[in-house]
Amino acid sequence: MTGAPERIRVLDFTTTIAGPHCTRLFADLGAEVVKIEAPEGDMMRTRPPLRNRASTSFGQLNAGKKSIVLDLKTPPAVEAVRRFVATADVVVENFRPGVMRRFGLDYEALAPIKPGLSMSRVKVKNWIRTGCEIAHQFRLPPRLG
């Protein structure tokens, strides 16, 4: 190897714990991670423990990320995401099934904008019954695979 890989850009549509933890790892490894939040913000922003009225959990899960507020229920926000996707390598989301499709931001809509785009859905299932079982599908961009 002759040097570090070129910088990877990750669009982060995740909330709560599992998704932000996943994208935090990308940031820790040197990726540029852009967290896209709804106007009301990630629910973890207000979760204890708090220090100076800010959630330390939110800070830990989202350290090293950039952030932008977009209301994905509006056409201008969806268009802004499409412009971001043109410069992204990876999209990570953890909405309920079908939400990205309703926004017009599912893989089928975004892949033509950026050939080679990787998209992942992080989901924690059966937390109470079976513990944290993370299910995901992920495909790396060709230059990383």
N, C-alpha and C. Protein backbone atom coordinates (compact mmCIF):
# COMPACT_ATOMS: atom_id res chain seq x y z
N MET A 1 0.83 -1.17 0.00
CA MET A 1 0.00 0.00 0.00
C MET A 1 0.88 1.24 0.00
N THR A 2 0.52 2.23 -0.79
CA THR A 2 1.36 3.41 -0.91
C THR A 2 0.85 4.61 -0.12
N GLY A 3 -0.30 4.51 0.50
CA GLY A 3 -0.82 5.63 1.27
C GLY A 3 -2.24 5.39 1.69
N ALA A 4 -2.81 6.37 2.37
CA ALA A 4 -4.18 6.26 2.83
C ALA A 4 -5.15 6.33 1.66
N PRO A 5 -6.28 5.61 1.76
CA PRO A 5 -7.26 5.69 0.68
C PRO A 5 -7.84 7.10 0.61
N GLU A 6 -8.33 7.46 -0.56
CA GLU A 6 -8.93 8.79 -0.66
C GLU A 6 -10.12 8.87 0.29
N ARG A 7 -10.45 10.07 0.69
CA ARG A 7 -11.49 10.30 1.69
C ARG A 7 -12.85 9.80 1.19
N ILE A 8 -13.57 9.14 2.07
CA ILE A 8 -14.89 8.62 1.79
C ILE A 8 -15.91 9.58 2.39
N ARG A 9 -17.00 9.86 1.67
CA ARG A 9 -18.08 10.69 2.20
C ARG A 9 -19.28 9.80 2.49
N VAL A 10 -19.78 9.89 3.72
CA VAL A 10 -20.91 9.10 4.19
C VAL A 10 -22.06 10.04 4.52
N LEU A 11 -23.25 9.75 3.98
CA LEU A 11 -24.47 10.48 4.37
C LEU A 11 -25.17 9.64 5.42
N ASP A 12 -25.39 10.23 6.58
CA ASP A 12 -25.89 9.54 7.76
C ASP A 12 -27.33 9.98 8.04
N PHE A 13 -28.29 9.10 7.78
CA PHE A 13 -29.71 9.36 8.05
C PHE A 13 -30.15 8.59 9.29
N THR A 14 -29.24 8.31 10.22
CA THR A 14 -29.57 7.45 11.35
C THR A 14 -29.89 8.24 12.61
N THR A 15 -30.60 7.56 13.53
CA THR A 15 -30.94 8.16 14.82
C THR A 15 -30.73 7.12 15.92
N THR A 16 -30.83 7.56 17.12
CA THR A 16 -30.79 6.75 18.33
C THR A 16 -29.39 6.20 18.57
N ILE A 17 -29.17 4.88 18.58
CA ILE A 17 -27.86 4.36 18.99
C ILE A 17 -27.16 3.55 17.91
N ALA A 18 -27.77 2.49 17.40
CA ALA A 18 -27.07 1.56 16.51
C ALA A 18 -26.56 2.25 15.24
N GLY A 19 -27.43 3.02 14.58
CA GLY A 19 -27.02 3.70 13.35
C GLY A 19 -25.94 4.73 13.57
N PRO A 20 -26.13 5.65 14.54
CA PRO A 20 -25.07 6.62 14.80
C PRO A 20 -23.75 5.98 15.23
N HIS A 21 -23.82 4.84 15.94
CA HIS A 21 -22.58 4.15 16.30
C HIS A 21 -21.87 3.65 15.03
N CYS A 22 -22.63 3.10 14.12
CA CYS A 22 -22.05 2.62 12.85
C CYS A 22 -21.35 3.75 12.11
N THR A 23 -22.02 4.87 11.96
CA THR A 23 -21.43 5.97 11.20
C THR A 23 -20.32 6.67 11.98
N ARG A 24 -20.35 6.59 13.31
CA ARG A 24 -19.25 7.11 14.12
C ARG A 24 -17.96 6.34 13.80
N LEU A 25 -18.09 5.03 13.56
CA LEU A 25 -16.92 4.24 13.20
C LEU A 25 -16.33 4.72 11.88
N PHE A 26 -17.18 5.06 10.91
CA PHE A 26 -16.68 5.63 9.66
C PHE A 26 -15.89 6.90 9.94
N ALA A 27 -16.45 7.79 10.79
CA ALA A 27 -15.76 9.04 11.12
C ALA A 27 -14.42 8.76 11.81
N ASP A 28 -14.42 7.79 12.71
CA ASP A 28 -13.18 7.44 13.42
C ASP A 28 -12.11 6.96 12.45
N LEU A 29 -12.53 6.34 11.35
CA LEU A 29 -11.58 5.82 10.37
C LEU A 29 -11.21 6.85 9.31
N GLY A 30 -11.68 8.09 9.47
CA GLY A 30 -11.27 9.16 8.58
C GLY A 30 -12.27 9.58 7.52
N ALA A 31 -13.45 8.95 7.50
CA ALA A 31 -14.46 9.34 6.52
C ALA A 31 -15.07 10.70 6.90
N GLU A 32 -15.52 11.42 5.90
CA GLU A 32 -16.32 12.63 6.14
C GLU A 32 -17.76 12.16 6.27
N VAL A 33 -18.32 12.31 7.46
CA VAL A 33 -19.69 11.87 7.72
C VAL A 33 -20.57 13.10 7.88
N VAL A 34 -21.64 13.15 7.09
CA VAL A 34 -22.60 14.25 7.17
C VAL A 34 -23.90 13.69 7.72
N LYS A 35 -24.24 14.07 8.95
CA LYS A 35 -25.47 13.62 9.59
C LYS A 35 -26.60 14.52 9.14
N ILE A 36 -27.65 13.91 8.62
CA ILE A 36 -28.82 14.66 8.13
C ILE A 36 -29.94 14.45 9.15
N GLU A 37 -30.34 15.53 9.81
CA GLU A 37 -31.34 15.45 10.87
C GLU A 37 -32.62 16.18 10.48
N ALA A 38 -33.73 15.67 10.99
CA ALA A 38 -35.02 16.34 10.84
C ALA A 38 -35.01 17.63 11.66
N PRO A 39 -35.92 18.56 11.36
CA PRO A 39 -35.94 19.83 12.11
C PRO A 39 -36.05 19.65 13.63
N GLU A 40 -36.73 18.60 14.07
CA GLU A 40 -36.84 18.38 15.52
C GLU A 40 -35.59 17.75 16.11
N GLY A 41 -34.66 17.33 15.28
CA GLY A 41 -33.38 16.78 15.75
C GLY A 41 -33.48 15.32 16.14
N ASP A 42 -32.35 14.69 16.28
CA ASP A 42 -32.24 13.31 16.73
C ASP A 42 -32.74 13.25 18.18
N MET A 43 -33.58 12.26 18.49
CA MET A 43 -34.12 12.15 19.85
C MET A 43 -33.03 12.00 20.91
N MET A 44 -31.85 11.53 20.52
CA MET A 44 -30.76 11.36 21.48
C MET A 44 -30.20 12.70 21.97
N ARG A 45 -30.50 13.78 21.28
CA ARG A 45 -29.99 15.09 21.72
C ARG A 45 -30.46 15.46 23.13
N THR A 46 -31.62 14.93 23.53
CA THR A 46 -32.19 15.31 24.83
C THR A 46 -32.12 14.19 25.86
N ARG A 47 -31.48 13.08 25.54
CA ARG A 47 -31.41 11.94 26.46
C ARG A 47 -30.29 12.11 27.48
N PRO A 48 -30.57 11.76 28.74
CA PRO A 48 -29.50 11.80 29.73
C PRO A 48 -28.46 10.73 29.45
N PRO A 49 -27.28 10.88 30.00
CA PRO A 49 -26.85 11.94 30.90
C PRO A 49 -26.59 13.24 30.14
N LEU A 50 -26.91 14.34 30.84
CA LEU A 50 -26.73 15.67 30.25
C LEU A 50 -25.59 16.40 30.94
N ARG A 51 -24.88 17.16 30.17
CA ARG A 51 -23.85 18.06 30.71
C ARG A 51 -24.08 19.40 30.05
N ASN A 52 -24.32 20.43 30.81
CA ASN A 52 -24.64 21.76 30.29
C ASN A 52 -25.81 21.67 29.31
N ARG A 53 -26.83 20.92 29.69
CA ARG A 53 -28.08 20.72 28.91
C ARG A 53 -27.85 20.03 27.57
N ALA A 54 -26.71 19.39 27.36
CA ALA A 54 -26.43 18.66 26.13
C ALA A 54 -26.20 17.18 26.48
N SER A 55 -26.75 16.30 25.66
CA SER A 55 -26.61 14.87 25.91
C SER A 55 -25.18 14.40 25.62
N THR A 56 -24.57 13.81 26.64
CA THR A 56 -23.23 13.26 26.42
C THR A 56 -23.29 12.03 25.52
N SER A 57 -24.39 11.29 25.57
CA SER A 57 -24.56 10.13 24.67
C SER A 57 -24.60 10.57 23.22
N PHE A 58 -25.38 11.63 22.95
CA PHE A 58 -25.45 12.15 21.58
C PHE A 58 -24.07 12.60 21.12
N GLY A 59 -23.36 13.30 21.99
CA GLY A 59 -22.02 13.77 21.65
C GLY A 59 -21.07 12.63 21.32
N GLN A 60 -21.12 11.57 22.12
CA GLN A 60 -20.24 10.42 21.89
C GLN A 60 -20.59 9.72 20.59
N LEU A 61 -21.88 9.54 20.31
CA LEU A 61 -22.30 8.81 19.10
C LEU A 61 -22.07 9.60 17.81
N ASN A 62 -21.96 10.91 17.92
CA ASN A 62 -21.89 11.73 16.72
C ASN A 62 -20.61 12.56 16.61
N ALA A 63 -19.62 12.26 17.44
CA ALA A 63 -18.34 12.97 17.38
C ALA A 63 -17.70 12.78 16.00
N GLY A 64 -17.11 13.84 15.50
CA GLY A 64 -16.40 13.78 14.23
C GLY A 64 -17.27 13.91 13.00
N LYS A 65 -18.56 14.17 13.20
CA LYS A 65 -19.48 14.28 12.07
C LYS A 65 -19.85 15.74 11.82
N LYS A 66 -20.17 16.03 10.57
CA LYS A 66 -20.79 17.31 10.22
C LYS A 66 -22.29 17.09 10.34
N SER A 67 -23.07 18.16 10.35
CA SER A 67 -24.51 18.02 10.53
C SER A 67 -25.25 19.06 9.71
N ILE A 68 -26.40 18.65 9.19
CA ILE A 68 -27.28 19.56 8.48
C ILE A 68 -28.72 19.19 8.82
N VAL A 69 -29.59 20.19 8.92
CA VAL A 69 -31.00 19.97 9.18
C VAL A 69 -31.76 20.09 7.87
N LEU A 70 -32.51 19.02 7.54
CA LEU A 70 -33.35 19.00 6.34
C LEU A 70 -34.67 18.34 6.66
N ASP A 71 -35.76 18.95 6.23
CA ASP A 71 -37.08 18.34 6.38
C ASP A 71 -37.34 17.51 5.13
N LEU A 72 -37.10 16.21 5.23
CA LEU A 72 -37.18 15.32 4.07
C LEU A 72 -38.59 15.17 3.53
N LYS A 73 -39.57 15.77 4.19
CA LYS A 73 -40.95 15.74 3.70
C LYS A 73 -41.20 16.87 2.70
N THR A 74 -40.16 17.66 2.40
CA THR A 74 -40.31 18.77 1.45
C THR A 74 -39.45 18.54 0.21
N PRO A 75 -39.97 18.90 -0.97
CA PRO A 75 -39.19 18.71 -2.20
C PRO A 75 -37.83 19.40 -2.21
N PRO A 76 -37.68 20.63 -1.68
CA PRO A 76 -36.34 21.24 -1.70
C PRO A 76 -35.31 20.44 -0.90
N ALA A 77 -35.73 19.84 0.21
CA ALA A 77 -34.81 19.03 1.01
C ALA A 77 -34.41 17.77 0.27
N VAL A 78 -35.37 17.13 -0.38
CA VAL A 78 -35.07 15.92 -1.15
C VAL A 78 -34.10 16.25 -2.28
N GLU A 79 -34.29 17.38 -2.92
CA GLU A 79 -33.38 17.80 -3.99
C GLU A 79 -31.98 18.07 -3.43
N ALA A 80 -31.91 18.66 -2.25
CA ALA A 80 -30.61 18.89 -1.61
C ALA A 80 -29.90 17.56 -1.33
N VAL A 81 -30.65 16.56 -0.86
CA VAL A 81 -30.05 15.25 -0.61
C VAL A 81 -29.53 14.65 -1.91
N ARG A 82 -30.28 14.79 -2.99
CA ARG A 82 -29.83 14.27 -4.28
C ARG A 82 -28.51 14.91 -4.70
N ARG A 83 -28.35 16.20 -4.43
CA ARG A 83 -27.07 16.87 -4.74
C ARG A 83 -25.95 16.33 -3.85
N PHE A 84 -26.25 16.08 -2.58
CA PHE A 84 -25.26 15.47 -1.69
C PHE A 84 -24.86 14.08 -2.18
N VAL A 85 -25.84 13.30 -2.60
CA VAL A 85 -25.58 11.92 -3.05
C VAL A 85 -24.60 11.90 -4.21
N ALA A 86 -24.68 12.90 -5.07
CA ALA A 86 -23.78 12.95 -6.22
C ALA A 86 -22.31 13.01 -5.79
N THR A 87 -22.05 13.41 -4.56
CA THR A 87 -20.68 13.51 -4.05
C THR A 87 -20.38 12.48 -2.96
N ALA A 88 -21.33 11.59 -2.69
CA ALA A 88 -21.18 10.63 -1.58
C ALA A 88 -20.72 9.27 -2.09
N ASP A 89 -20.19 8.49 -1.18
CA ASP A 89 -19.81 7.11 -1.46
C ASP A 89 -20.73 6.12 -0.77
N VAL A 90 -21.24 6.52 0.39
CA VAL A 90 -22.02 5.63 1.24
C VAL A 90 -23.22 6.39 1.80
N VAL A 91 -24.37 5.71 1.85
CA VAL A 91 -25.56 6.22 2.53
C VAL A 91 -25.95 5.19 3.58
N VAL A 92 -26.15 5.65 4.82
CA VAL A 92 -26.57 4.76 5.91
C VAL A 92 -27.85 5.33 6.50
N GLU A 93 -28.86 4.46 6.66
CA GLU A 93 -30.13 4.89 7.24
C GLU A 93 -30.66 3.82 8.17
N ASN A 94 -31.54 4.20 9.09
CA ASN A 94 -32.20 3.21 9.95
C ASN A 94 -33.66 3.57 10.19
N PHE A 95 -34.30 4.09 9.16
CA PHE A 95 -35.74 4.33 9.22
C PHE A 95 -36.49 3.01 9.19
N ARG A 96 -37.79 3.06 9.46
CA ARG A 96 -38.63 1.89 9.26
C ARG A 96 -38.62 1.52 7.78
N PRO A 97 -38.88 0.24 7.46
CA PRO A 97 -38.90 -0.16 6.05
C PRO A 97 -39.87 0.70 5.25
N GLY A 98 -39.43 1.14 4.07
CA GLY A 98 -40.27 1.91 3.16
C GLY A 98 -40.18 3.42 3.30
N VAL A 99 -39.59 3.92 4.38
CA VAL A 99 -39.55 5.38 4.59
C VAL A 99 -38.68 6.05 3.53
N MET A 100 -37.49 5.52 3.28
CA MET A 100 -36.63 6.14 2.26
C MET A 100 -37.31 6.11 0.89
N ARG A 101 -38.06 5.06 0.59
CA ARG A 101 -38.79 4.99 -0.68
C ARG A 101 -39.85 6.09 -0.74
N ARG A 102 -40.56 6.29 0.37
CA ARG A 102 -41.59 7.35 0.39
C ARG A 102 -40.97 8.73 0.19
N PHE A 103 -39.77 8.92 0.69
CA PHE A 103 -39.07 10.20 0.48
C PHE A 103 -38.53 10.31 -0.94
N GLY A 104 -38.51 9.21 -1.68
CA GLY A 104 -37.89 9.20 -3.01
C GLY A 104 -36.37 9.11 -2.91
N LEU A 105 -35.89 8.49 -1.81
CA LEU A 105 -34.45 8.43 -1.55
C LEU A 105 -33.98 7.00 -1.32
N ASP A 106 -34.69 6.01 -1.86
CA ASP A 106 -34.26 4.63 -1.73
C ASP A 106 -33.13 4.35 -2.73
N TYR A 107 -32.54 3.17 -2.64
CA TYR A 107 -31.39 2.84 -3.48
C TYR A 107 -31.72 2.98 -4.97
N GLU A 108 -32.90 2.52 -5.36
CA GLU A 108 -33.28 2.59 -6.79
C GLU A 108 -33.33 4.03 -7.28
N ALA A 109 -33.69 4.96 -6.43
CA ALA A 109 -33.74 6.37 -6.82
C ALA A 109 -32.35 7.02 -6.79
N LEU A 110 -31.49 6.57 -5.89
CA LEU A 110 -30.19 7.23 -5.71
C LEU A 110 -29.07 6.63 -6.55
N ALA A 111 -29.12 5.35 -6.83
CA ALA A 111 -28.03 4.69 -7.57
C ALA A 111 -27.75 5.33 -8.93
N PRO A 112 -28.77 5.75 -9.69
CA PRO A 112 -28.46 6.40 -10.97
C PRO A 112 -27.73 7.74 -10.82
N ILE A 113 -27.89 8.37 -9.67
CA ILE A 113 -27.23 9.66 -9.43
C ILE A 113 -25.74 9.45 -9.20
N LYS A 114 -25.39 8.36 -8.50
CA LYS A 114 -23.99 8.08 -8.16
C LYS A 114 -23.71 6.60 -8.38
N PRO A 115 -23.21 6.24 -9.57
CA PRO A 115 -22.84 4.84 -9.80
C PRO A 115 -21.83 4.38 -8.76
N GLY A 116 -22.00 3.17 -8.26
CA GLY A 116 -21.09 2.64 -7.24
C GLY A 116 -21.47 3.01 -5.83
N LEU A 117 -22.59 3.74 -5.66
CA LEU A 117 -23.04 4.13 -4.32
C LEU A 117 -23.33 2.90 -3.48
N SER A 118 -22.89 2.90 -2.23
CA SER A 118 -23.22 1.85 -1.29
C SER A 118 -24.29 2.38 -0.35
N MET A 119 -25.28 1.55 -0.07
CA MET A 119 -26.36 1.97 0.82
C MET A 119 -26.58 0.88 1.85
N SER A 120 -26.71 1.27 3.11
CA SER A 120 -26.88 0.31 4.19
C SER A 120 -28.05 0.73 5.05
N ARG A 121 -28.78 -0.27 5.53
CA ARG A 121 -29.86 -0.04 6.49
C ARG A 121 -29.47 -0.76 7.76
N VAL A 122 -29.30 -0.03 8.85
CA VAL A 122 -28.92 -0.61 10.13
C VAL A 122 -30.19 -0.76 10.95
N LYS A 123 -30.42 -1.97 11.44
CA LYS A 123 -31.65 -2.24 12.19
C LYS A 123 -31.32 -3.10 13.39
N VAL A 124 -31.81 -2.73 14.55
CA VAL A 124 -31.69 -3.55 15.74
C VAL A 124 -33.01 -4.26 15.92
N LYS A 125 -32.99 -5.58 15.99
CA LYS A 125 -34.24 -6.31 16.13
C LYS A 125 -34.28 -7.12 17.41
N ASN A 126 -35.45 -7.27 17.95
CA ASN A 126 -35.69 -8.12 19.13
C ASN A 126 -34.76 -7.78 20.29
N TRP A 127 -34.60 -6.48 20.57
CA TRP A 127 -33.67 -6.04 21.62
C TRP A 127 -34.00 -6.69 22.97
N ILE A 128 -35.25 -6.71 23.36
CA ILE A 128 -35.61 -7.20 24.69
C ILE A 128 -35.53 -8.74 24.74
N ARG A 129 -36.04 -9.42 23.71
CA ARG A 129 -36.07 -10.88 23.75
C ARG A 129 -34.70 -11.52 23.54
N THR A 130 -33.91 -11.02 22.60
CA THR A 130 -32.69 -11.74 22.23
C THR A 130 -31.42 -10.93 22.39
N GLY A 131 -31.50 -9.74 22.94
CA GLY A 131 -30.32 -8.90 23.03
C GLY A 131 -30.14 -8.12 21.74
N CYS A 132 -29.05 -7.44 21.64
CA CYS A 132 -28.80 -6.59 20.47
C CYS A 132 -28.35 -7.44 19.30
N GLU A 133 -29.22 -7.62 18.36
CA GLU A 133 -28.92 -8.39 17.16
C GLU A 133 -29.00 -7.42 15.99
N ILE A 134 -27.86 -7.04 15.44
CA ILE A 134 -27.86 -6.03 14.39
C ILE A 134 -27.90 -6.72 13.04
N ALA A 135 -28.93 -6.36 12.27
CA ALA A 135 -29.06 -6.91 10.93
C ALA A 135 -28.74 -5.80 9.95
N HIS A 136 -27.90 -6.08 8.97
CA HIS A 136 -27.59 -5.06 7.98
C HIS A 136 -27.15 -5.69 6.68
N GLN A 137 -27.31 -4.95 5.62
CA GLN A 137 -26.78 -5.33 4.33
C GLN A 137 -25.90 -4.18 3.90
N PHE A 138 -24.70 -4.51 3.44
CA PHE A 138 -23.79 -3.44 3.11
C PHE A 138 -22.90 -3.87 1.95
N ARG A 139 -22.70 -2.98 1.02
CA ARG A 139 -21.83 -3.25 -0.12
C ARG A 139 -20.84 -2.09 -0.20
N LEU A 140 -19.53 -2.41 -0.18
CA LEU A 140 -18.50 -1.38 -0.23
C LEU A 140 -18.33 -0.85 -1.64
N PRO A 141 -17.97 0.44 -1.76
CA PRO A 141 -17.63 0.96 -3.10
C PRO A 141 -16.49 0.14 -3.68
N PRO A 142 -16.41 0.01 -5.00
CA PRO A 142 -15.39 -0.84 -5.64
C PRO A 142 -13.96 -0.55 -5.18
N ARG A 143 -13.61 0.70 -4.90
CA ARG A 143 -12.23 0.98 -4.53
C ARG A 143 -11.88 0.52 -3.12
N LEU A 144 -12.91 0.13 -2.33
CA LEU A 144 -12.65 -0.35 -0.97
C LEU A 144 -12.83 -1.85 -0.84
N GLY A 145 -13.60 -2.46 -1.74
CA GLY A 145 -13.96 -3.87 -1.61
C GLY A 145 -12.84 -4.81 -1.96
